[in-house]
Amino acid sequence: MKNVFLLYIPPTNHEAVVHYEDTIKSKIDPQRIYQYVNHDLRNKLERIFLGRRIAVWGSRDSDVNRSRFEKMKDGDDILIIEGDTIKLLGKIAAKTINQDLSRELWKNIKGATTEGWDLIYFIANPQEVNLPFSEFNNLFGYEADYTLRGFTNIAEDRLASFYEQYDDLYDVLIRIKNGDEVIRKDAGRISDRMVEYETVVPEENKEEIKEEVSEHLKIQWKLIQLGLKASTRVWIPRNDQSKITGQYHYDEFEKEFTAGLDTDARYVENIDVVWKDEFRIDAAFEVENSTSIYSGLLRFSDLKIVAPNSNYPLFIVAPLSRKAKVINQVKRPTFRKLDFHKKVRYLSYEAVEETERFFEDSTSGLNVELLTGRSEEIN
């Protein structure tokens, strides 16, 4: 169970407001950090942030703050609240107790003092949300007038109650920010739906499998390359990893589907291609050449049941010649009940190949949003 940490900034604390702009909103050049941390922490930050600027925050090293800081784990949620507004939502990527780094990052505005913000945490996936803090109170069962003080964490009983109802605080708050419905877990549906299944190939298609797998592998490889150029990590099923390695001599895959994630992978780790950040999924792709489109949609439905409030795009990738079949499968009642006609997008092989050619010698502008723009709604 992930912890949730809250950092309260009074609007009158001008020092904290300025530091928020400097080290959270603007973020920090990693080279400023690396000269003050040890080799292991530097390697960890390089692996997580891939050379990008890093959001950093810290707290005073008091006994109370130290006890909370010691509970902090990689992947925990952190919210920064200013007044009655949730300013920022993010994930704890790493932490350190470091007086020298504190002096480097946070100069004392009010003059010389020996008191610094030495309990330092690095924040992955920072997202400014600017939501009323009352939204948080509603989710965790606090009174409407509940107010914060300083640096704190949510009690285990409230966390347990939240996770019984919802999948992920980060996704829930992003959905509220976007004006989308927040979906509660349905334990009965999960236990009923999570069954093992395999793709059934009609007899008349079996002689085509060798060619199908080859075309399937080519598109998987193109999506892997595009993901790497977009500075994401890439996961493909273990059975396919050896095929990619044998054909294309590449083996730098994520070691585990759930690395950095609080997600049950048993029924979704066979999704054909997943683009990931350290603590987030950026996009999921099911490649369908001429085997059953239904099997890919089942994996997506399991993913949406495990994580009903997830916000990342889901793509069915298929040739233009199969577009009508994709649309017909998505319209099946079981998938319409999950609103797949709104949540799953069709991405043609041809669009993937055009994108690959366009970015052959460049990566500028390549991201999930670009692929979303080149895909089509199924509605």
Protein backbone atom coordinates (compact mmCIF):
# COMPACT_ATOMS: atom_id res chain seq x y z
CA MET A 1 0.00 0.00 0.00
CA LYS A 2 1.49 3.31 -1.10
CA ASN A 3 1.85 6.14 1.40
CA VAL A 4 0.50 9.61 0.73
CA PHE A 5 2.53 12.60 1.97
CA LEU A 6 1.24 16.15 2.23
CA LEU A 7 3.38 19.28 2.32
CA TYR A 8 1.54 22.42 3.36
CA ILE A 9 2.77 25.88 2.31
CA PRO A 10 1.02 28.80 4.01
CA PRO A 11 0.41 31.57 1.44
CA THR A 12 2.25 33.94 3.79
CA ASN A 13 5.44 31.82 3.72
CA HIS A 14 7.15 33.81 0.96
CA GLU A 15 10.37 31.81 1.26
CA ALA A 16 8.58 28.52 0.51
CA VAL A 17 6.58 30.11 -2.34
CA VAL A 18 9.80 31.34 -3.99
CA HIS A 19 11.52 27.97 -3.52
CA TYR A 20 8.49 26.24 -5.06
CA GLU A 21 8.95 28.31 -8.21
CA ASP A 22 12.70 27.64 -8.26
CA THR A 23 12.97 23.92 -7.57
CA ILE A 24 9.53 22.48 -8.35
CA LYS A 25 8.06 24.53 -11.16
CA SER A 26 11.33 25.38 -12.92
CA LYS A 27 13.06 22.17 -11.72
CA ILE A 28 16.81 21.73 -11.27
CA ASP A 29 19.58 20.95 -13.74
CA PRO A 30 20.72 17.47 -12.63
CA GLN A 31 24.38 18.51 -12.69
CA ARG A 32 23.73 20.85 -9.75
CA ILE A 33 22.49 17.84 -7.80
CA TYR A 34 25.05 15.23 -8.86
CA GLN A 35 28.05 17.03 -7.32
CA TYR A 36 26.49 16.64 -3.85
CA VAL A 37 25.21 13.03 -3.95
CA ASN A 38 26.93 9.66 -3.88
CA HIS A 39 27.46 7.37 -6.85
CA ASP A 40 24.47 5.12 -6.14
CA LEU A 41 22.00 7.97 -5.83
CA ARG A 42 23.38 9.66 -8.94
CA ASN A 43 22.93 6.43 -10.96
CA LYS A 44 19.40 6.07 -9.64
CA LEU A 45 18.46 9.64 -10.59
CA GLU A 46 20.03 9.24 -14.04
CA ARG A 47 18.02 6.06 -14.61
CA ILE A 48 14.74 7.66 -13.50
CA PHE A 49 15.01 11.12 -15.03
CA LEU A 50 17.10 10.30 -18.14
CA GLY A 51 19.00 13.58 -17.97
CA ARG A 52 15.87 15.75 -17.68
CA ARG A 53 15.54 18.54 -15.11
CA ILE A 54 14.44 17.28 -11.70
CA ALA A 55 11.74 18.56 -9.32
CA VAL A 56 13.13 18.67 -5.77
CA TRP A 57 11.65 19.59 -2.39
CA GLY A 58 12.80 19.39 1.19
CA SER A 59 11.68 19.70 4.81
CA ARG A 60 13.27 20.88 8.04
CA ASP A 61 15.11 18.11 9.89
CA SER A 62 13.00 18.02 13.07
CA ASP A 63 12.25 14.85 15.03
CA VAL A 64 8.63 14.79 13.80
CA ASN A 65 9.58 15.40 10.16
CA ARG A 66 12.40 12.83 10.35
CA SER A 67 10.00 10.09 11.54
CA ARG A 68 7.69 10.78 8.58
CA PHE A 69 10.57 11.09 6.14
CA GLU A 70 11.85 7.65 7.16
CA LYS A 71 8.49 6.13 6.15
CA MET A 72 8.80 7.57 2.64
CA LYS A 73 9.30 4.97 -0.13
CA ASP A 74 9.90 5.16 -3.87
CA GLY A 75 6.56 5.44 -5.68
CA ASP A 76 4.68 7.04 -2.77
CA ASP A 77 2.39 9.96 -3.62
CA ILE A 78 3.28 13.50 -2.58
CA LEU A 79 0.93 16.51 -2.66
CA ILE A 80 2.05 20.10 -2.17
CA ILE A 81 -0.77 22.28 -0.89
CA GLU A 82 -0.69 26.08 -0.80
CA GLY A 83 -3.46 27.55 1.33
CA ASP A 84 -6.62 25.63 0.38
CA THR A 85 -5.37 24.55 -3.06
CA ILE A 86 -3.57 21.37 -4.11
CA LYS A 87 -0.78 22.88 -6.20
CA LEU A 88 1.17 19.78 -7.19
CA LEU A 89 0.84 16.03 -7.39
CA GLY A 90 3.81 13.71 -7.91
CA LYS A 91 5.60 10.48 -7.02
CA ILE A 92 8.57 10.07 -4.70
CA ALA A 93 11.50 8.98 -6.88
CA ALA A 94 14.29 9.01 -4.27
CA LYS A 95 15.29 10.75 -1.06
CA THR A 96 18.42 11.84 0.79
CA ILE A 97 19.41 13.68 3.96
CA ASN A 98 21.93 16.17 2.65
CA GLN A 99 22.85 19.49 4.24
CA ASP A 100 25.23 20.49 1.43
CA LEU A 101 22.64 19.94 -1.29
CA SER A 102 20.07 21.85 0.78
CA ARG A 103 22.42 24.86 0.95
CA GLU A 104 22.97 24.66 -2.83
CA LEU A 105 19.27 24.58 -3.71
CA TRP A 106 17.59 26.76 -1.09
CA LYS A 107 19.35 29.95 -0.15
CA ASN A 108 17.85 31.56 2.92
CA ILE A 109 15.90 34.60 1.82
CA LYS A 110 15.69 36.06 5.33
CA GLY A 111 19.44 36.09 5.92
CA ALA A 112 22.03 33.73 7.37
CA THR A 113 20.79 30.75 9.38
CA THR A 114 22.04 27.24 10.07
CA GLU A 115 18.55 25.75 9.63
CA GLY A 116 18.06 24.21 6.18
CA TRP A 117 15.68 21.88 4.35
CA ASP A 118 17.91 18.84 4.74
CA LEU A 119 15.26 16.10 4.33
CA ILE A 120 15.28 16.11 0.55
CA TYR A 121 13.02 14.21 -1.84
CA PHE A 122 13.09 14.06 -5.64
CA ILE A 123 9.68 14.12 -7.34
CA ALA A 124 8.85 12.15 -10.50
CA ASN A 125 5.84 12.84 -12.73
CA PRO A 126 5.11 16.25 -11.17
CA GLN A 127 1.75 17.57 -12.28
CA GLU A 128 0.26 20.92 -11.31
CA VAL A 129 -3.42 20.28 -10.57
CA ASN A 130 -4.68 23.42 -8.76
CA LEU A 131 -7.63 21.60 -7.19
CA PRO A 132 -9.47 22.62 -4.02
CA PHE A 133 -8.08 20.73 -1.03
CA SER A 134 -11.70 19.83 -0.21
CA GLU A 135 -11.53 17.26 -3.06
CA PHE A 136 -8.83 15.43 -1.09
CA ASN A 137 -10.89 15.65 2.12
CA ASN A 138 -13.83 14.00 0.32
CA LEU A 139 -11.69 11.11 -0.93
CA PHE A 140 -10.13 10.36 2.46
CA GLY A 141 -13.12 11.00 4.71
CA TYR A 142 -11.90 14.17 6.42
CA GLU A 143 -14.24 16.90 7.57
CA ALA A 144 -14.74 19.70 5.05
CA ASP A 145 -12.86 22.16 7.29
CA TYR A 146 -9.86 19.87 7.93
CA THR A 147 -6.67 21.93 7.65
CA LEU A 148 -3.01 21.02 7.33
CA ARG A 149 0.14 22.01 9.14
CA GLY A 150 3.62 21.44 7.76
CA PHE A 151 4.77 18.03 6.51
CA THR A 152 2.57 15.02 7.26
CA ASN A 153 1.39 11.65 5.97
CA ILE A 154 -2.01 9.96 5.81
CA ALA A 155 -2.85 7.42 8.51
CA GLU A 156 -2.94 3.75 7.51
CA ASP A 157 -6.66 3.29 8.23
CA ARG A 158 -7.59 6.14 5.89
CA LEU A 159 -5.21 4.81 3.22
CA ALA A 160 -6.76 1.33 3.50
CA SER A 161 -10.26 2.77 3.17
CA PHE A 162 -9.22 4.77 0.09
CA TYR A 163 -7.56 1.83 -1.66
CA GLU A 164 -10.57 -0.39 -1.01
CA GLN A 165 -12.58 2.03 -3.15
CA TYR A 166 -10.07 3.42 -5.67
CA ASP A 167 -7.00 2.28 -7.56
CA ASP A 168 -4.55 5.19 -7.62
CA LEU A 169 -4.65 8.67 -6.07
CA TYR A 170 -2.58 10.20 -8.88
CA ASP A 171 -5.03 8.98 -11.54
CA VAL A 172 -8.07 9.91 -9.45
CA LEU A 173 -6.94 13.51 -8.96
CA ILE A 174 -6.03 13.87 -12.65
CA ARG A 175 -9.52 12.67 -13.56
CA ILE A 176 -11.06 15.24 -11.19
CA LYS A 177 -8.83 17.93 -12.70
CA ASN A 178 -10.00 16.95 -16.21
CA GLY A 179 -13.67 16.91 -15.18
CA ASP A 180 -13.95 13.12 -15.73
CA GLU A 181 -15.95 10.68 -13.65
CA VAL A 182 -14.02 8.96 -10.86
CA ILE A 183 -14.65 5.20 -10.97
CA ARG A 184 -14.85 3.04 -7.85
CA LYS A 185 -13.48 -0.47 -7.76
CA ASP A 186 -15.92 -3.33 -8.25
CA ALA A 187 -14.38 -6.36 -6.50
CA GLY A 188 -16.99 -8.74 -7.91
CA ARG A 189 -16.29 -7.72 -11.48
CA ILE A 190 -12.56 -8.10 -10.94
CA SER A 191 -12.77 -11.64 -9.58
CA ASP A 192 -15.25 -12.71 -12.25
CA ARG A 193 -13.36 -11.20 -15.18
CA MET A 194 -9.78 -12.10 -14.28
CA VAL A 195 -9.52 -15.50 -15.91
CA GLU A 196 -6.78 -17.00 -18.01
CA TYR A 197 -7.47 -16.97 -21.75
CA GLU A 198 -5.58 -17.61 -24.93
CA THR A 199 -6.02 -16.47 -28.50
CA VAL A 200 -8.00 -18.93 -30.61
CA VAL A 201 -6.82 -19.08 -34.21
CA PRO A 202 -9.29 -20.46 -36.78
CA GLU A 203 -8.08 -23.55 -38.66
CA GLU A 204 -8.08 -21.76 -42.01
CA ASN A 205 -5.63 -19.16 -40.67
CA LYS A 206 -3.07 -21.46 -39.09
CA GLU A 207 -0.89 -21.72 -42.20
CA GLU A 208 -0.55 -17.91 -42.15
CA ILE A 209 0.78 -17.71 -38.56
CA LYS A 210 4.47 -17.62 -39.49
CA GLU A 211 3.90 -14.59 -41.73
CA GLU A 212 1.56 -12.97 -39.18
CA VAL A 213 4.10 -13.25 -36.36
CA SER A 214 6.78 -11.75 -38.59
CA GLU A 215 4.60 -8.72 -39.43
CA HIS A 216 3.52 -8.48 -35.79
CA LEU A 217 7.17 -8.46 -34.71
CA LYS A 218 8.06 -5.73 -37.20
CA ILE A 219 5.38 -3.40 -35.82
CA GLN A 220 6.35 -4.23 -32.24
CA TRP A 221 9.93 -3.26 -33.08
CA LYS A 222 8.82 0.02 -34.66
CA LEU A 223 6.79 0.88 -31.55
CA ILE A 224 9.76 -0.04 -29.34
CA GLN A 225 12.02 2.29 -31.33
CA LEU A 226 9.49 5.13 -31.26
CA GLY A 227 9.10 4.69 -27.49
CA LEU A 228 12.86 4.88 -26.96
CA LYS A 229 13.07 8.00 -29.13
CA ALA A 230 10.27 9.52 -27.06
CA SER A 231 12.47 8.95 -23.95
CA THR A 232 10.21 6.33 -22.40
CA ARG A 233 10.99 2.88 -21.08
CA VAL A 234 9.52 -0.03 -23.00
CA TRP A 235 7.95 -3.31 -21.93
CA ILE A 236 6.92 -6.17 -24.18
CA PRO A 237 5.88 -9.69 -23.09
CA ARG A 238 8.74 -11.96 -22.07
CA ASN A 239 7.94 -14.45 -24.84
CA ASP A 240 8.40 -11.67 -27.41
CA GLN A 241 11.57 -10.25 -25.87
CA SER A 242 13.67 -13.18 -27.05
CA LYS A 243 12.21 -12.83 -30.56
CA ILE A 244 13.09 -9.13 -30.70
CA THR A 245 16.57 -9.84 -29.37
CA GLY A 246 17.13 -12.59 -31.93
CA GLN A 247 15.87 -10.49 -34.85
CA TYR A 248 17.04 -6.99 -33.92
CA HIS A 249 19.78 -7.58 -31.28
CA TYR A 250 18.05 -5.39 -28.68
CA ASP A 251 17.51 -6.49 -25.06
CA GLU A 252 17.20 -3.32 -22.93
CA PHE A 253 13.63 -4.02 -21.80
CA GLU A 254 12.06 -3.24 -18.45
CA LYS A 255 12.86 -6.21 -16.20
CA GLU A 256 9.34 -6.30 -14.74
CA PHE A 257 6.07 -4.94 -16.10
CA THR A 258 5.25 -3.53 -12.67
CA ALA A 259 8.66 -1.92 -12.04
CA GLY A 260 7.76 1.35 -10.26
CA LEU A 261 4.00 0.68 -10.55
CA ASP A 262 1.35 -0.24 -8.01
CA THR A 263 -0.48 -2.51 -10.48
CA ASP A 264 -1.37 -6.20 -10.53
CA ALA A 265 0.35 -7.42 -13.70
CA ARG A 266 -0.88 -11.02 -13.81
CA TYR A 267 -3.48 -10.39 -16.47
CA VAL A 268 -1.98 -7.47 -18.35
CA GLU A 269 1.76 -8.15 -18.70
CA ASN A 270 1.12 -9.74 -22.10
CA ILE A 271 0.04 -6.45 -23.66
CA ASP A 272 2.16 -6.21 -26.83
CA VAL A 273 3.95 -2.92 -26.13
CA VAL A 274 3.83 -0.60 -23.11
CA TRP A 275 5.54 2.80 -22.92
CA LYS A 276 6.44 3.66 -19.33
CA ASP A 277 7.90 6.33 -17.19
CA GLU A 278 9.42 5.12 -13.91
CA PHE A 279 6.17 5.42 -11.95
CA ARG A 280 3.61 5.79 -14.71
CA ILE A 281 2.35 4.02 -17.81
CA ASP A 282 2.38 6.45 -20.73
CA ALA A 283 0.59 4.32 -23.35
CA ALA A 284 -0.36 0.71 -24.13
CA PHE A 285 -0.48 -0.88 -27.60
CA GLU A 286 -2.08 -4.11 -28.82
CA VAL A 287 -0.77 -5.12 -32.26
CA GLU A 288 -3.31 -7.08 -34.31
CA ASN A 289 -2.34 -8.40 -37.73
CA SER A 290 -4.87 -11.13 -38.49
CA THR A 291 -5.30 -13.02 -35.24
CA SER A 292 -8.18 -12.25 -32.90
CA ILE A 293 -8.67 -8.55 -32.10
CA TYR A 294 -10.86 -9.74 -29.25
CA SER A 295 -7.87 -11.06 -27.27
CA GLY A 296 -6.14 -7.67 -27.27
CA LEU A 297 -9.30 -5.92 -26.12
CA LEU A 298 -9.66 -8.46 -23.30
CA ARG A 299 -6.21 -7.52 -22.03
CA PHE A 300 -7.20 -3.86 -22.17
CA SER A 301 -10.42 -4.60 -20.29
CA ASP A 302 -8.47 -6.37 -17.53
CA LEU A 303 -6.15 -3.36 -17.35
CA LYS A 304 -9.10 -0.97 -16.98
CA ILE A 305 -10.65 -3.15 -14.26
CA VAL A 306 -7.37 -3.35 -12.31
CA ALA A 307 -6.83 0.41 -12.75
CA PRO A 308 -10.25 1.93 -13.62
CA ASN A 309 -9.10 5.54 -13.21
CA SER A 310 -6.04 5.27 -15.44
CA ASN A 311 -5.70 8.11 -17.93
CA TYR A 312 -3.14 6.88 -20.47
CA PRO A 313 -4.23 6.07 -24.04
CA LEU A 314 -4.89 2.53 -25.27
CA PHE A 315 -4.15 1.80 -28.94
CA ILE A 316 -5.27 -1.09 -31.12
CA VAL A 317 -2.64 -1.16 -33.89
CA ALA A 318 -3.77 -2.88 -37.09
CA PRO A 319 -3.52 -2.51 -40.88
CA LEU A 320 -6.04 -0.22 -42.60
CA SER A 321 -7.53 -3.37 -44.14
CA ARG A 322 -8.64 -4.43 -40.62
CA LYS A 323 -10.03 -1.09 -39.45
CA ALA A 324 -13.68 -2.14 -39.87
CA LYS A 325 -13.06 -5.31 -37.83
CA VAL A 326 -11.46 -3.28 -35.04
CA ILE A 327 -14.49 -0.99 -34.88
CA ASN A 328 -16.92 -3.92 -34.87
CA GLN A 329 -15.10 -5.65 -31.98
CA VAL A 330 -14.97 -2.48 -29.88
CA LYS A 331 -18.75 -2.16 -30.29
CA ARG A 332 -19.34 -5.53 -28.56
CA PRO A 333 -21.60 -5.01 -25.50
CA THR A 334 -18.90 -6.10 -23.00
CA PHE A 335 -16.53 -3.40 -24.27
CA ARG A 336 -19.19 -0.73 -24.70
CA LYS A 337 -19.99 -1.19 -21.00
CA LEU A 338 -16.38 -0.14 -20.31
CA ASP A 339 -16.75 2.82 -22.73
CA PHE A 340 -14.02 1.39 -24.98
CA HIS A 341 -15.49 3.27 -27.93
CA LYS A 342 -14.24 6.38 -26.08
CA LYS A 343 -11.10 4.99 -24.42
CA VAL A 344 -9.48 2.81 -27.11
CA ARG A 345 -8.05 4.40 -30.26
CA TYR A 346 -7.28 2.87 -33.64
CA LEU A 347 -3.70 3.37 -34.88
CA SER A 348 -2.93 2.04 -38.34
CA TYR A 349 0.26 0.26 -39.31
CA GLU A 350 0.60 2.90 -41.99
CA ALA A 351 0.54 5.73 -39.40
CA VAL A 352 3.21 3.94 -37.33
CA GLU A 353 5.43 3.52 -40.40
CA GLU A 354 4.96 7.16 -41.46
CA THR A 355 5.87 8.30 -37.95
CA GLU A 356 8.96 6.09 -37.96
CA ARG A 357 10.12 7.54 -41.29
CA PHE A 358 9.47 11.12 -40.18
CA PHE A 359 11.53 10.69 -37.00
CA GLU A 360 14.27 8.61 -38.58
CA ASP A 361 16.91 11.27 -37.94
CA SER A 362 15.23 13.30 -35.19
CA THR A 363 13.33 12.93 -31.93
CA SER A 364 12.13 16.51 -31.44
CA GLY A 365 8.38 16.51 -30.83
CA LEU A 366 7.97 12.73 -30.64
CA ASN A 367 5.68 11.82 -27.75
CA VAL A 368 2.45 10.02 -26.89
CA GLU A 369 0.38 13.07 -27.81
CA LEU A 370 1.74 12.98 -31.35
CA LEU A 371 0.71 9.33 -31.80
CA THR A 372 -2.69 10.12 -30.32
CA GLY A 373 -3.06 12.82 -32.98
CA ARG A 374 -2.25 10.28 -35.71
CA SER A 375 -4.74 7.72 -34.37
CA GLU A 376 -8.53 7.72 -34.66
CA GLU A 377 -11.38 7.64 -32.18
CA ILE A 378 -13.61 4.57 -32.31
CA ASN A 379 -16.95 6.16 -31.73
